[in-house]
């Protein structure tokens, strides 16, 4: 058991080191030697645990996308399948989607480098961006666009894409530009009440943008606004 725990710690140390270095230098400027030195491990441990730098970087992306435990978004949406013809069910699923994304990105135990790594990778065409799209971005996007096409079958593809980007954009901005936003608070992390207000505002605006009846939104707004921590 001790050997297994040590092995897991080594793997995680290498993932963390690679993630930190990618955010500092960019994907193309990170060597295996630098990763091993940052992790305090021998160079051979990268090959032993991952087979090489490319596979290590893929594990970095997997960790960045899955650092917070819980079901993936497509499964969350699937849980509302029998309620998508009901207005209140539609309101609840939109709020749940926003909450799910917020909780994953701003989980207290999620290392800050996770969002920065994803930002770095999506900026540059190549195998890693293709991998990230296939593993995470495309399945999530399909789940969200499929959801909105059920709620608003009259919308064009462009209208659906605009809605998705409207919801995700502010969350990604806060994660990618964490330091800039936090400078205004003079804090090292987002206050829980601020994240709760952000979640509530995004969900409410997203529901209104779908053109759902005002009374359904008002009824849902009576729920408590809870911190996402």
C-alpha atoms as a PDB file:
ATOM      1  CA  UNK A   1       0.000   0.000   0.000  1.00  0.00           C
ATOM      2  CA  UNK A   2       2.850   2.341   0.831  1.00  0.00           C
ATOM      3  CA  UNK A   3       4.451   1.742  -2.576  1.00  0.00           C
ATOM      4  CA  UNK A   4       1.158   2.498  -4.326  1.00  0.00           C
ATOM      5  CA  UNK A   5       0.720   5.726  -2.370  1.00  0.00           C
ATOM      6  CA  UNK A   6       4.272   6.796  -3.166  1.00  0.00           C
ATOM      7  CA  UNK A   7       3.712   6.052  -6.857  1.00  0.00           C
ATOM      8  CA  UNK A   8       0.518   8.129  -6.901  1.00  0.00           C
ATOM      9  CA  UNK A   9       2.265  11.013  -5.165  1.00  0.00           C
ATOM     10  CA  UNK A  10       5.053  10.896  -7.738  1.00  0.00           C
ATOM     11  CA  UNK A  11       2.581  10.899 -10.631  1.00  0.00           C
ATOM     12  CA  UNK A  12       0.709  13.838  -9.153  1.00  0.00           C
ATOM     13  CA  UNK A  13       3.913  15.751  -8.451  1.00  0.00           C
ATOM     14  CA  UNK A  14       4.908  15.372 -12.108  1.00  0.00           C
ATOM     15  CA  UNK A  15       1.438  16.427 -13.307  1.00  0.00           C
ATOM     16  CA  UNK A  16       1.496  19.492 -11.058  1.00  0.00           C
ATOM     17  CA  UNK A  17       5.017  20.418 -12.131  1.00  0.00           C
ATOM     18  CA  UNK A  18       4.177  20.079 -15.816  1.00  0.00           C
ATOM     19  CA  UNK A  19       0.985  22.097 -15.363  1.00  0.00           C
ATOM     20  CA  UNK A  20       2.783  24.904 -13.564  1.00  0.00           C
ATOM     21  CA  UNK A  21       5.559  25.063 -16.148  1.00  0.00           C
ATOM     22  CA  UNK A  22       3.161  25.091 -19.089  1.00  0.00           C
ATOM     23  CA  UNK A  23       1.367  28.085 -17.606  1.00  0.00           C
ATOM     24  CA  UNK A  24       4.672  29.880 -17.031  1.00  0.00           C
ATOM     25  CA  UNK A  25       6.469  29.089 -20.305  1.00  0.00           C
ATOM     26  CA  UNK A  26       3.951  27.763 -22.810  1.00  0.00           C
ATOM     27  CA  UNK A  27       3.540  24.211 -24.070  1.00  0.00           C
ATOM     28  CA  UNK A  28       6.425  24.280 -26.527  1.00  0.00           C
ATOM     29  CA  UNK A  29       8.994  25.532 -24.016  1.00  0.00           C
ATOM     30  CA  UNK A  30       8.707  22.913 -21.301  1.00  0.00           C
ATOM     31  CA  UNK A  31      11.326  20.161 -21.192  1.00  0.00           C
ATOM     32  CA  UNK A  32      11.120  16.855 -19.362  1.00  0.00           C
ATOM     33  CA  UNK A  33      14.227  17.829 -17.401  1.00  0.00           C
ATOM     34  CA  UNK A  34      12.556  21.013 -16.159  1.00  0.00           C
ATOM     35  CA  UNK A  35       9.452  19.045 -15.148  1.00  0.00           C
ATOM     36  CA  UNK A  36      11.495  16.487 -13.220  1.00  0.00           C
ATOM     37  CA  UNK A  37      13.470  19.212 -11.462  1.00  0.00           C
ATOM     38  CA  UNK A  38      10.302  21.122 -10.509  1.00  0.00           C
ATOM     39  CA  UNK A  39       8.741  17.923  -9.158  1.00  0.00           C
ATOM     40  CA  UNK A  40      11.905  16.923  -7.310  1.00  0.00           C
ATOM     41  CA  UNK A  41      12.029  13.611  -9.171  1.00  0.00           C
ATOM     42  CA  UNK A  42      14.480  11.784 -11.433  1.00  0.00           C
ATOM     43  CA  UNK A  43      14.127  12.310 -15.172  1.00  0.00           C
ATOM     44  CA  UNK A  44      13.397   8.609 -15.649  1.00  0.00           C
ATOM     45  CA  UNK A  45      10.214   8.813 -13.586  1.00  0.00           C
ATOM     46  CA  UNK A  46       8.428  10.610 -16.434  1.00  0.00           C
ATOM     47  CA  UNK A  47       9.064   7.721 -18.805  1.00  0.00           C
ATOM     48  CA  UNK A  48       8.241   5.185 -16.098  1.00  0.00           C
ATOM     49  CA  UNK A  49       4.869   6.708 -15.175  1.00  0.00           C
ATOM     50  CA  UNK A  50       3.762   8.199 -18.494  1.00  0.00           C
ATOM     51  CA  UNK A  51       5.945   6.824 -21.273  1.00  0.00           C
ATOM     52  CA  UNK A  52       7.055  10.297 -22.331  1.00  0.00           C
ATOM     53  CA  UNK A  53       6.242  14.003 -22.359  1.00  0.00           C
ATOM     54  CA  UNK A  54       3.289  13.795 -24.745  1.00  0.00           C
ATOM     55  CA  UNK A  55       1.410  11.315 -22.578  1.00  0.00           C
ATOM     56  CA  UNK A  56       2.287  13.313 -19.475  1.00  0.00           C
ATOM     57  CA  UNK A  57       0.802  16.425 -21.073  1.00  0.00           C
ATOM     58  CA  UNK A  58      -2.364  14.489 -21.888  1.00  0.00           C
ATOM     59  CA  UNK A  59      -2.642  13.490 -18.233  1.00  0.00           C
ATOM     60  CA  UNK A  60      -2.163  17.147 -17.297  1.00  0.00           C
ATOM     61  CA  UNK A  61      -5.151  18.028 -19.481  1.00  0.00           C
ATOM     62  CA  UNK A  62      -7.249  15.191 -18.074  1.00  0.00           C
ATOM     63  CA  UNK A  63      -6.491  16.333 -14.545  1.00  0.00           C
ATOM     64  CA  UNK A  64      -7.239  19.978 -15.395  1.00  0.00           C
ATOM     65  CA  UNK A  65     -10.651  18.946 -16.724  1.00  0.00           C
ATOM     66  CA  UNK A  66     -11.492  16.441 -13.991  1.00  0.00           C
ATOM     67  CA  UNK A  67      -9.780  17.802 -10.874  1.00  0.00           C
ATOM     68  CA  UNK A  68     -13.116  18.232  -9.127  1.00  0.00           C
ATOM     69  CA  UNK A  69     -14.888  14.945  -8.496  1.00  0.00           C
ATOM     70  CA  UNK A  70     -18.418  14.424  -9.723  1.00  0.00           C
ATOM     71  CA  UNK A  71     -20.317  13.288 -12.803  1.00  0.00           C
ATOM     72  CA  UNK A  72     -19.443  14.891 -16.154  1.00  0.00           C
ATOM     73  CA  UNK A  73     -21.827  17.482 -17.578  1.00  0.00           C
ATOM     74  CA  UNK A  74     -23.399  15.169 -20.202  1.00  0.00           C
ATOM     75  CA  UNK A  75     -24.510  12.838 -17.380  1.00  0.00           C
ATOM     76  CA  UNK A  76     -25.895  15.755 -15.374  1.00  0.00           C
ATOM     77  CA  UNK A  77     -27.982  16.902 -18.328  1.00  0.00           C
ATOM     78  CA  UNK A  78     -29.103  13.342 -19.048  1.00  0.00           C
ATOM     79  CA  UNK A  79     -30.605  13.233 -15.561  1.00  0.00           C
ATOM     80  CA  UNK A  80     -33.161  15.847 -16.670  1.00  0.00           C
ATOM     81  CA  UNK A  81     -34.159  13.980 -19.840  1.00  0.00           C
ATOM     82  CA  UNK A  82     -37.712  13.262 -18.674  1.00  0.00           C
ATOM     83  CA  UNK A  83     -38.266  16.873 -17.538  1.00  0.00           C
ATOM     84  CA  UNK A  84     -37.162  18.863 -20.564  1.00  0.00           C
ATOM     85  CA  UNK A  85     -40.720  19.311 -21.825  1.00  0.00           C
ATOM     86  CA  UNK A  86     -41.656  21.008 -18.563  1.00  0.00           C
ATOM     87  CA  UNK A  87     -40.847  24.709 -18.141  1.00  0.00           C
ATOM     88  CA  UNK A  88     -39.793  24.363 -14.532  1.00  0.00           C
ATOM     89  CA  UNK A  89     -37.592  21.432 -15.462  1.00  0.00           C
ATOM     90  CA  UNK A  90     -35.968  23.574 -18.145  1.00  0.00           C
ATOM     91  CA  UNK A  91     -35.299  26.335 -15.636  1.00  0.00           C
ATOM     92  CA  UNK A  92     -33.800  23.882 -13.163  1.00  0.00           C
ATOM     93  CA  UNK A  93     -31.544  22.192 -15.693  1.00  0.00           C
ATOM     94  CA  UNK A  94     -30.101  25.537 -16.829  1.00  0.00           C
ATOM     95  CA  UNK A  95     -29.337  26.515 -13.240  1.00  0.00           C
ATOM     96  CA  UNK A  96     -27.833  23.078 -12.646  1.00  0.00           C
ATOM     97  CA  UNK A  97     -25.619  23.369 -15.716  1.00  0.00           C
ATOM     98  CA  UNK A  98     -24.265  26.751 -14.602  1.00  0.00           C
ATOM     99  CA  UNK A  99     -23.731  25.473 -11.057  1.00  0.00           C
ATOM    100  CA  UNK A 100     -21.943  22.378 -12.356  1.00  0.00           C
ATOM    101  CA  UNK A 101     -19.481  24.398 -14.454  1.00  0.00           C
ATOM    102  CA  UNK A 102     -18.879  26.869 -11.627  1.00  0.00           C
ATOM    103  CA  UNK A 103     -18.237  24.147  -9.080  1.00  0.00           C
ATOM    104  CA  UNK A 104     -15.783  22.360 -11.352  1.00  0.00           C
ATOM    105  CA  UNK A 105     -13.771  25.438 -12.284  1.00  0.00           C
ATOM    106  CA  UNK A 106     -13.748  27.108  -8.864  1.00  0.00           C
ATOM    107  CA  UNK A 107     -13.427  24.015  -6.661  1.00  0.00           C
ATOM    108  CA  UNK A 108     -11.260  24.982  -3.649  1.00  0.00           C
ATOM    109  CA  UNK A 109      -8.919  22.028  -4.195  1.00  0.00           C
ATOM    110  CA  UNK A 110      -8.430  22.665  -7.926  1.00  0.00           C
ATOM    111  CA  UNK A 111      -4.907  24.028  -8.555  1.00  0.00           C
ATOM    112  CA  UNK A 112      -4.865  27.494 -10.159  1.00  0.00           C
ATOM    113  CA  UNK A 113      -2.733  26.210 -13.036  1.00  0.00           C
ATOM    114  CA  UNK A 114      -5.589  24.053 -14.351  1.00  0.00           C
ATOM    115  CA  UNK A 115      -7.485  26.866 -16.046  1.00  0.00           C
ATOM    116  CA  UNK A 116      -4.306  28.457 -17.364  1.00  0.00           C
ATOM    117  CA  UNK A 117      -3.136  25.222 -18.959  1.00  0.00           C
ATOM    118  CA  UNK A 118      -6.437  24.812 -20.780  1.00  0.00           C
ATOM    119  CA  UNK A 119      -6.211  28.407 -21.970  1.00  0.00           C
ATOM    120  CA  UNK A 120      -2.660  27.849 -23.231  1.00  0.00           C
ATOM    121  CA  UNK A 121      -3.557  24.676 -25.108  1.00  0.00           C
ATOM    122  CA  UNK A 122      -6.672  25.982 -26.872  1.00  0.00           C
ATOM    123  CA  UNK A 123      -4.687  28.925 -28.266  1.00  0.00           C
ATOM    124  CA  UNK A 124      -2.420  26.728 -30.393  1.00  0.00           C
ATOM    125  CA  UNK A 125      -3.385  24.213 -33.073  1.00  0.00           C
ATOM    126  CA  UNK A 126      -1.809  20.805 -32.636  1.00  0.00           C
ATOM    127  CA  UNK A 127      -2.206  17.310 -31.184  1.00  0.00           C
ATOM    128  CA  UNK A 128      -2.818  18.541 -27.631  1.00  0.00           C
ATOM    129  CA  UNK A 129      -5.633  20.864 -28.671  1.00  0.00           C
ATOM    130  CA  UNK A 130      -7.140  18.061 -30.752  1.00  0.00           C
ATOM    131  CA  UNK A 131      -6.921  15.766 -27.737  1.00  0.00           C
ATOM    132  CA  UNK A 132      -8.524  18.337 -25.436  1.00  0.00           C
ATOM    133  CA  UNK A 133     -11.374  18.917 -27.868  1.00  0.00           C
ATOM    134  CA  UNK A 134     -12.023  15.198 -28.325  1.00  0.00           C
ATOM    135  CA  UNK A 135     -11.796  14.334 -24.627  1.00  0.00           C
ATOM    136  CA  UNK A 136     -13.662  17.230 -23.042  1.00  0.00           C
ATOM    137  CA  UNK A 137     -14.635  20.300 -25.061  1.00  0.00           C
ATOM    138  CA  UNK A 138     -16.622  18.588 -27.825  1.00  0.00           C
ATOM    139  CA  UNK A 139     -18.627  16.234 -25.535  1.00  0.00           C
ATOM    140  CA  UNK A 140     -19.523  19.134 -23.234  1.00  0.00           C
ATOM    141  CA  UNK A 141     -20.430  21.395 -26.144  1.00  0.00           C
ATOM    142  CA  UNK A 142     -22.592  18.696 -27.741  1.00  0.00           C
ATOM    143  CA  UNK A 143     -24.377  18.149 -24.437  1.00  0.00           C
ATOM    144  CA  UNK A 144     -25.128  21.845 -24.002  1.00  0.00           C
ATOM    145  CA  UNK A 145     -26.178  22.459 -27.607  1.00  0.00           C
ATOM    146  CA  UNK A 146     -28.344  19.337 -27.513  1.00  0.00           C
ATOM    147  CA  UNK A 147     -30.023  20.640 -24.368  1.00  0.00           C
ATOM    148  CA  UNK A 148     -30.771  24.045 -25.862  1.00  0.00           C
ATOM    149  CA  UNK A 149     -32.063  22.554 -29.101  1.00  0.00           C
ATOM    150  CA  UNK A 150     -34.611  20.658 -26.976  1.00  0.00           C
ATOM    151  CA  UNK A 151     -35.689  23.798 -25.151  1.00  0.00           C
ATOM    152  CA  UNK A 152     -35.621  26.062 -28.215  1.00  0.00           C
ATOM    153  CA  UNK A 153     -36.088  23.855 -31.330  1.00  0.00           C
ATOM    154  CA  UNK A 154     -36.802  27.023 -33.318  1.00  0.00           C
ATOM    155  CA  UNK A 155     -33.312  28.430 -32.748  1.00  0.00           C
ATOM    156  CA  UNK A 156     -30.648  28.318 -35.437  1.00  0.00           C
ATOM    157  CA  UNK A 157     -27.245  26.772 -34.771  1.00  0.00           C
ATOM    158  CA  UNK A 158     -25.724  30.246 -34.469  1.00  0.00           C
ATOM    159  CA  UNK A 159     -28.281  31.256 -31.835  1.00  0.00           C
ATOM    160  CA  UNK A 160     -27.550  28.118 -29.833  1.00  0.00           C
ATOM    161  CA  UNK A 161     -23.777  28.633 -30.053  1.00  0.00           C
ATOM    162  CA  UNK A 162     -24.200  32.256 -28.964  1.00  0.00           C
ATOM    163  CA  UNK A 163     -26.169  31.149 -25.896  1.00  0.00           C
ATOM    164  CA  UNK A 164     -23.511  28.606 -24.913  1.00  0.00           C
ATOM    165  CA  UNK A 165     -20.696  31.125 -25.296  1.00  0.00           C
ATOM    166  CA  UNK A 166     -22.684  33.739 -23.371  1.00  0.00           C
ATOM    167  CA  UNK A 167     -22.949  31.358 -20.422  1.00  0.00           C
ATOM    168  CA  UNK A 168     -19.430  29.934 -20.458  1.00  0.00           C
ATOM    169  CA  UNK A 169     -17.554  33.128 -21.400  1.00  0.00           C
ATOM    170  CA  UNK A 170     -17.767  34.999 -18.061  1.00  0.00           C
ATOM    171  CA  UNK A 171     -16.817  31.856 -16.118  1.00  0.00           C
ATOM    172  CA  UNK A 172     -13.778  31.247 -18.303  1.00  0.00           C
ATOM    173  CA  UNK A 173     -12.813  34.920 -18.031  1.00  0.00           C
ATOM    174  CA  UNK A 174     -12.810  34.782 -14.240  1.00  0.00           C
ATOM    175  CA  UNK A 175     -10.715  31.615 -14.283  1.00  0.00           C
ATOM    176  CA  UNK A 176      -8.223  32.713 -16.956  1.00  0.00           C
ATOM    177  CA  UNK A 177      -7.791  36.239 -15.553  1.00  0.00           C
ATOM    178  CA  UNK A 178      -8.022  35.320 -11.903  1.00  0.00           C
ATOM    179  CA  UNK A 179      -5.238  37.628 -10.736  1.00  0.00           C
ATOM    180  CA  UNK A 180      -6.599  40.652 -12.576  1.00  0.00           C
ATOM    181  CA  UNK A 181     -10.067  40.212 -11.089  1.00  0.00           C
ATOM    182  CA  UNK A 182      -8.781  39.409  -7.605  1.00  0.00           C
ATOM    183  CA  UNK A 183      -6.604  42.526  -7.545  1.00  0.00           C
ATOM    184  CA  UNK A 184      -9.825  44.481  -7.138  1.00  0.00           C
ATOM    185  CA  UNK A 185     -10.600  42.506  -3.975  1.00  0.00           C
ATOM    186  CA  UNK A 186      -7.019  42.517  -2.697  1.00  0.00           C
ATOM    187  CA  UNK A 187      -7.469  38.777  -2.071  1.00  0.00           C
ATOM    188  CA  UNK A 188      -5.809  35.534  -3.189  1.00  0.00           C
ATOM    189  CA  UNK A 189      -9.060  33.697  -3.916  1.00  0.00           C
ATOM    190  CA  UNK A 190     -12.611  34.540  -4.899  1.00  0.00           C
ATOM    191  CA  UNK A 191     -14.998  35.260  -2.000  1.00  0.00           C
ATOM    192  CA  UNK A 192     -17.729  32.622  -1.778  1.00  0.00           C
ATOM    193  CA  UNK A 193     -20.475  35.240  -1.880  1.00  0.00           C
ATOM    194  CA  UNK A 194     -19.035  36.719  -5.084  1.00  0.00           C
ATOM    195  CA  UNK A 195     -19.021  33.308  -6.784  1.00  0.00           C
ATOM    196  CA  UNK A 196     -22.582  32.718  -5.581  1.00  0.00           C
ATOM    197  CA  UNK A 197     -23.700  36.035  -7.091  1.00  0.00           C
ATOM    198  CA  UNK A 198     -21.876  35.262 -10.333  1.00  0.00           C
ATOM    199  CA  UNK A 199     -23.551  31.866 -10.580  1.00  0.00           C
ATOM    200  CA  UNK A 200     -26.988  33.308  -9.851  1.00  0.00           C
ATOM    201  CA  UNK A 201     -26.607  36.159 -12.348  1.00  0.00           C
ATOM    202  CA  UNK A 202     -25.345  33.920 -15.142  1.00  0.00           C
ATOM    203  CA  UNK A 203     -28.073  31.344 -14.613  1.00  0.00           C
ATOM    204  CA  UNK A 204     -30.834  33.952 -14.451  1.00  0.00           C
ATOM    205  CA  UNK A 205     -29.591  35.751 -17.574  1.00  0.00           C
ATOM    206  CA  UNK A 206     -29.258  32.423 -19.410  1.00  0.00           C
ATOM    207  CA  UNK A 207     -32.826  31.441 -18.517  1.00  0.00           C
ATOM    208  CA  UNK A 208     -34.186  34.810 -19.648  1.00  0.00           C
ATOM    209  CA  UNK A 209     -32.249  34.568 -22.908  1.00  0.00           C
ATOM    210  CA  UNK A 210     -34.106  31.329 -23.635  1.00  0.00           C
ATOM    211  CA  UNK A 211     -37.381  33.248 -23.493  1.00  0.00           C
ATOM    212  CA  UNK A 212     -38.858  31.129 -20.706  1.00  0.00           C
ATOM    213  CA  UNK A 213     -41.944  32.547 -18.951  1.00  0.00           C
ATOM    214  CA  UNK A 214     -41.094  35.265 -16.381  1.00  0.00           C
ATOM    215  CA  UNK A 215     -43.208  33.548 -13.718  1.00  0.00           C
ATOM    216  CA  UNK A 216     -41.058  30.402 -13.990  1.00  0.00           C
ATOM    217  CA  UNK A 217     -37.898  32.443 -13.491  1.00  0.00           C
ATOM    218  CA  UNK A 218     -39.389  34.343 -10.550  1.00  0.00           C
ATOM    219  CA  UNK A 219     -40.505  31.114  -8.916  1.00  0.00           C
ATOM    220  CA  UNK A 220     -37.009  29.679  -9.320  1.00  0.00           C
ATOM    221  CA  UNK A 221     -35.432  32.894  -7.995  1.00  0.00           C
ATOM    222  CA  UNK A 222     -37.014  32.229  -4.608  1.00  0.00           C
ATOM    223  CA  UNK A 223     -34.444  29.484  -4.050  1.00  0.00           C
ATOM    224  CA  UNK A 224     -31.486  30.246  -1.821  1.00  0.00           C
ATOM    225  CA  UNK A 225     -28.371  31.599  -3.516  1.00  0.00           C
ATOM    226  CA  UNK A 226     -25.680  29.374  -2.027  1.00  0.00           C
ATOM    227  CA  UNK A 227     -21.900  29.717  -2.294  1.00  0.00           C
ATOM    228  CA  UNK A 228     -20.373  27.278  -4.817  1.00  0.00           C
ATOM    229  CA  UNK A 229     -17.541  26.209  -2.552  1.00  0.00           C
END
